[in-house]
Amino acid sequence: MKYTEISDGKILVDGESIEDIPLKSLRESVTMIDQDPTLIKATFKENLDLTNKYSDEELKEILKECNLWEVIE
């Protein structure tokens, strides 16, 4: 996700080096899932949608599709 510069080797996405992909495009297209769950100091919505791309209603529908809406409602 380009948090630090690569010092050795390459990271490829569909055969293209992430060094050649614009940062905004990379961060909008790739999701990183850490092995240790971490929440940022923000609302639940902000933790789910860091780029504020989805409306509340869209997030609700996504959560319903994943059977998670009742858990957080």
N, C-alpha and C. Protein backbone atom coordinates (compact mmCIF):
# COMPACT_ATOMS: atom_id res chain seq x y z
N MET A 1 0.82 -1.19 0.00
CA MET A 1 0.00 0.00 0.00
C MET A 1 0.87 1.26 0.00
N LYS A 2 2.14 1.04 -0.20
CA LYS A 2 3.13 2.12 -0.30
C LYS A 2 3.27 2.91 1.00
N TYR A 3 3.21 2.22 2.14
CA TYR A 3 3.46 2.89 3.40
C TYR A 3 4.95 3.18 3.54
N THR A 4 5.77 2.30 2.98
CA THR A 4 7.22 2.51 2.93
C THR A 4 7.71 2.12 1.54
N GLU A 5 8.85 2.62 1.17
CA GLU A 5 9.42 2.28 -0.13
C GLU A 5 9.97 0.85 -0.08
N ILE A 6 9.86 0.15 -1.18
CA ILE A 6 10.37 -1.21 -1.28
C ILE A 6 11.89 -1.13 -1.43
N SER A 7 12.60 -1.86 -0.57
CA SER A 7 14.06 -1.80 -0.62
C SER A 7 14.66 -2.91 -1.49
N ASP A 8 13.92 -4.00 -1.65
CA ASP A 8 14.45 -5.12 -2.43
C ASP A 8 13.27 -5.92 -2.99
N GLY A 9 13.36 -6.33 -4.23
CA GLY A 9 12.32 -7.14 -4.85
C GLY A 9 11.18 -6.28 -5.39
N LYS A 10 10.09 -6.94 -5.74
CA LYS A 10 8.94 -6.26 -6.32
C LYS A 10 7.65 -6.86 -5.75
N ILE A 11 6.62 -6.06 -5.73
CA ILE A 11 5.27 -6.52 -5.42
C ILE A 11 4.47 -6.29 -6.69
N LEU A 12 3.91 -7.36 -7.24
CA LEU A 12 3.18 -7.27 -8.49
C LEU A 12 1.68 -7.48 -8.26
N VAL A 13 0.88 -6.70 -8.97
CA VAL A 13 -0.57 -6.87 -8.99
C VAL A 13 -0.95 -7.05 -10.46
N ASP A 14 -1.46 -8.22 -10.79
CA ASP A 14 -1.77 -8.55 -12.19
C ASP A 14 -0.57 -8.30 -13.10
N GLY A 15 0.63 -8.64 -12.61
CA GLY A 15 1.84 -8.51 -13.40
C GLY A 15 2.44 -7.12 -13.46
N GLU A 16 1.81 -6.15 -12.78
CA GLU A 16 2.31 -4.77 -12.80
C GLU A 16 2.87 -4.41 -11.42
N SER A 17 4.04 -3.82 -11.40
CA SER A 17 4.67 -3.42 -10.15
C SER A 17 3.83 -2.33 -9.47
N ILE A 18 3.65 -2.44 -8.15
CA ILE A 18 2.88 -1.40 -7.45
C ILE A 18 3.59 -0.06 -7.49
N GLU A 19 4.89 -0.06 -7.79
CA GLU A 19 5.62 1.20 -7.94
C GLU A 19 5.12 1.99 -9.15
N ASP A 20 4.51 1.30 -10.13
CA ASP A 20 4.03 1.94 -11.35
C ASP A 20 2.54 2.31 -11.28
N ILE A 21 1.87 1.94 -10.19
CA ILE A 21 0.44 2.21 -10.03
C ILE A 21 0.28 3.47 -9.18
N PRO A 22 -0.50 4.45 -9.65
CA PRO A 22 -0.70 5.66 -8.84
C PRO A 22 -1.25 5.30 -7.45
N LEU A 23 -0.75 5.96 -6.43
CA LEU A 23 -1.11 5.66 -5.05
C LEU A 23 -2.62 5.65 -4.83
N LYS A 24 -3.32 6.67 -5.31
CA LYS A 24 -4.77 6.76 -5.12
C LYS A 24 -5.47 5.54 -5.73
N SER A 25 -5.08 5.17 -6.92
CA SER A 25 -5.66 4.02 -7.61
C SER A 25 -5.38 2.73 -6.85
N LEU A 26 -4.16 2.58 -6.37
CA LEU A 26 -3.77 1.38 -5.62
C LEU A 26 -4.61 1.25 -4.36
N ARG A 27 -4.70 2.33 -3.60
CA ARG A 27 -5.43 2.28 -2.34
C ARG A 27 -6.94 2.12 -2.51
N GLU A 28 -7.48 2.56 -3.64
CA GLU A 28 -8.90 2.38 -3.91
C GLU A 28 -9.22 0.97 -4.41
N SER A 29 -8.21 0.30 -4.97
CA SER A 29 -8.45 -0.99 -5.62
C SER A 29 -8.05 -2.20 -4.79
N VAL A 30 -7.18 -2.01 -3.83
CA VAL A 30 -6.65 -3.13 -3.06
C VAL A 30 -6.98 -2.95 -1.59
N THR A 31 -7.42 -4.01 -0.97
CA THR A 31 -7.70 -3.97 0.46
C THR A 31 -6.68 -4.83 1.19
N MET A 32 -6.15 -4.30 2.24
CA MET A 32 -5.20 -5.04 3.06
C MET A 32 -5.93 -5.53 4.31
N ILE A 33 -5.85 -6.81 4.56
CA ILE A 33 -6.47 -7.38 5.75
C ILE A 33 -5.35 -7.89 6.64
N ASP A 34 -5.13 -7.19 7.73
CA ASP A 34 -4.07 -7.54 8.68
C ASP A 34 -4.46 -8.80 9.45
N GLN A 35 -3.48 -9.54 9.89
CA GLN A 35 -3.75 -10.74 10.67
C GLN A 35 -4.29 -10.38 12.05
N ASP A 36 -3.92 -9.23 12.56
CA ASP A 36 -4.43 -8.76 13.84
C ASP A 36 -5.43 -7.65 13.57
N PRO A 37 -6.72 -7.86 13.91
CA PRO A 37 -7.71 -6.82 13.63
C PRO A 37 -7.40 -5.53 14.38
N THR A 38 -7.51 -4.43 13.67
CA THR A 38 -7.23 -3.11 14.25
C THR A 38 -8.30 -2.14 13.82
N LEU A 39 -8.80 -1.36 14.75
CA LEU A 39 -9.75 -0.31 14.43
C LEU A 39 -9.06 1.03 14.61
N ILE A 40 -9.34 1.95 13.69
CA ILE A 40 -8.81 3.29 13.87
C ILE A 40 -9.73 4.03 14.84
N LYS A 41 -9.23 5.09 15.40
CA LYS A 41 -10.02 5.88 16.35
C LYS A 41 -11.01 6.72 15.54
N ALA A 42 -12.15 6.11 15.22
CA ALA A 42 -13.15 6.75 14.36
C ALA A 42 -14.47 6.02 14.54
N THR A 43 -15.46 6.44 13.77
CA THR A 43 -16.75 5.77 13.83
C THR A 43 -16.67 4.39 13.18
N PHE A 44 -17.68 3.59 13.45
CA PHE A 44 -17.74 2.26 12.84
C PHE A 44 -17.77 2.39 11.31
N LYS A 45 -18.55 3.35 10.82
CA LYS A 45 -18.64 3.59 9.38
C LYS A 45 -17.27 3.94 8.80
N GLU A 46 -16.53 4.81 9.46
CA GLU A 46 -15.21 5.21 8.96
C GLU A 46 -14.24 4.03 8.94
N ASN A 47 -14.39 3.11 9.89
CA ASN A 47 -13.55 1.92 9.89
C ASN A 47 -13.89 0.99 8.73
N LEU A 48 -15.15 0.95 8.35
CA LEU A 48 -15.56 0.10 7.23
C LEU A 48 -15.25 0.73 5.87
N ASP A 49 -15.31 2.04 5.80
CA ASP A 49 -15.19 2.74 4.53
C ASP A 49 -14.23 3.92 4.70
N LEU A 50 -12.94 3.62 4.69
CA LEU A 50 -11.91 4.63 4.96
C LEU A 50 -11.88 5.77 3.96
N THR A 51 -12.36 5.52 2.74
CA THR A 51 -12.32 6.56 1.71
C THR A 51 -13.67 7.26 1.54
N ASN A 52 -14.64 6.91 2.37
CA ASN A 52 -15.97 7.52 2.33
C ASN A 52 -16.60 7.38 0.94
N LYS A 53 -16.45 6.21 0.36
CA LYS A 53 -16.92 5.93 -0.99
C LYS A 53 -18.40 5.53 -1.02
N TYR A 54 -18.90 4.94 0.09
CA TYR A 54 -20.24 4.38 0.10
C TYR A 54 -21.17 5.17 1.02
N SER A 55 -22.43 5.23 0.63
CA SER A 55 -23.43 5.87 1.48
C SER A 55 -23.78 4.94 2.64
N ASP A 56 -24.45 5.49 3.64
CA ASP A 56 -24.90 4.68 4.77
C ASP A 56 -25.77 3.52 4.30
N GLU A 57 -26.66 3.81 3.36
CA GLU A 57 -27.58 2.78 2.84
C GLU A 57 -26.82 1.69 2.10
N GLU A 58 -25.80 2.07 1.32
CA GLU A 58 -25.00 1.06 0.61
C GLU A 58 -24.25 0.17 1.59
N LEU A 59 -23.68 0.76 2.63
CA LEU A 59 -22.98 -0.04 3.64
C LEU A 59 -23.95 -0.98 4.36
N LYS A 60 -25.13 -0.48 4.65
CA LYS A 60 -26.14 -1.32 5.30
C LYS A 60 -26.48 -2.53 4.44
N GLU A 61 -26.66 -2.33 3.15
CA GLU A 61 -26.97 -3.43 2.25
C GLU A 61 -25.82 -4.43 2.16
N ILE A 62 -24.60 -3.92 2.11
CA ILE A 62 -23.42 -4.79 2.08
C ILE A 62 -23.36 -5.63 3.35
N LEU A 63 -23.58 -5.00 4.49
CA LEU A 63 -23.55 -5.73 5.77
C LEU A 63 -24.66 -6.77 5.84
N LYS A 64 -25.82 -6.45 5.29
CA LYS A 64 -26.92 -7.43 5.25
C LYS A 64 -26.54 -8.63 4.40
N GLU A 65 -25.90 -8.38 3.24
CA GLU A 65 -25.48 -9.46 2.37
C GLU A 65 -24.47 -10.38 3.05
N CYS A 66 -23.68 -9.82 3.96
CA CYS A 66 -22.67 -10.59 4.70
C CYS A 66 -23.22 -11.16 6.01
N ASN A 67 -24.52 -10.96 6.24
CA ASN A 67 -25.17 -11.39 7.50
C ASN A 67 -24.52 -10.76 8.73
N LEU A 68 -24.12 -9.49 8.60
CA LEU A 68 -23.49 -8.79 9.72
C LEU A 68 -24.33 -7.63 10.24
N TRP A 69 -25.38 -7.26 9.52
CA TRP A 69 -26.16 -6.09 9.91
C TRP A 69 -26.74 -6.25 11.31
N GLU A 70 -27.30 -7.40 11.62
CA GLU A 70 -27.91 -7.62 12.94
C GLU A 70 -26.88 -7.56 14.07
N VAL A 71 -25.65 -7.89 13.75
CA VAL A 71 -24.58 -7.87 14.76
C VAL A 71 -24.25 -6.44 15.19
N ILE A 72 -24.28 -5.50 14.26
CA ILE A 72 -23.87 -4.13 14.58
C ILE A 72 -25.03 -3.15 14.73
N GLU A 73 -26.23 -3.59 14.37
CA GLU A 73 -27.39 -2.70 14.41
C GLU A 73 -27.60 -2.08 15.77
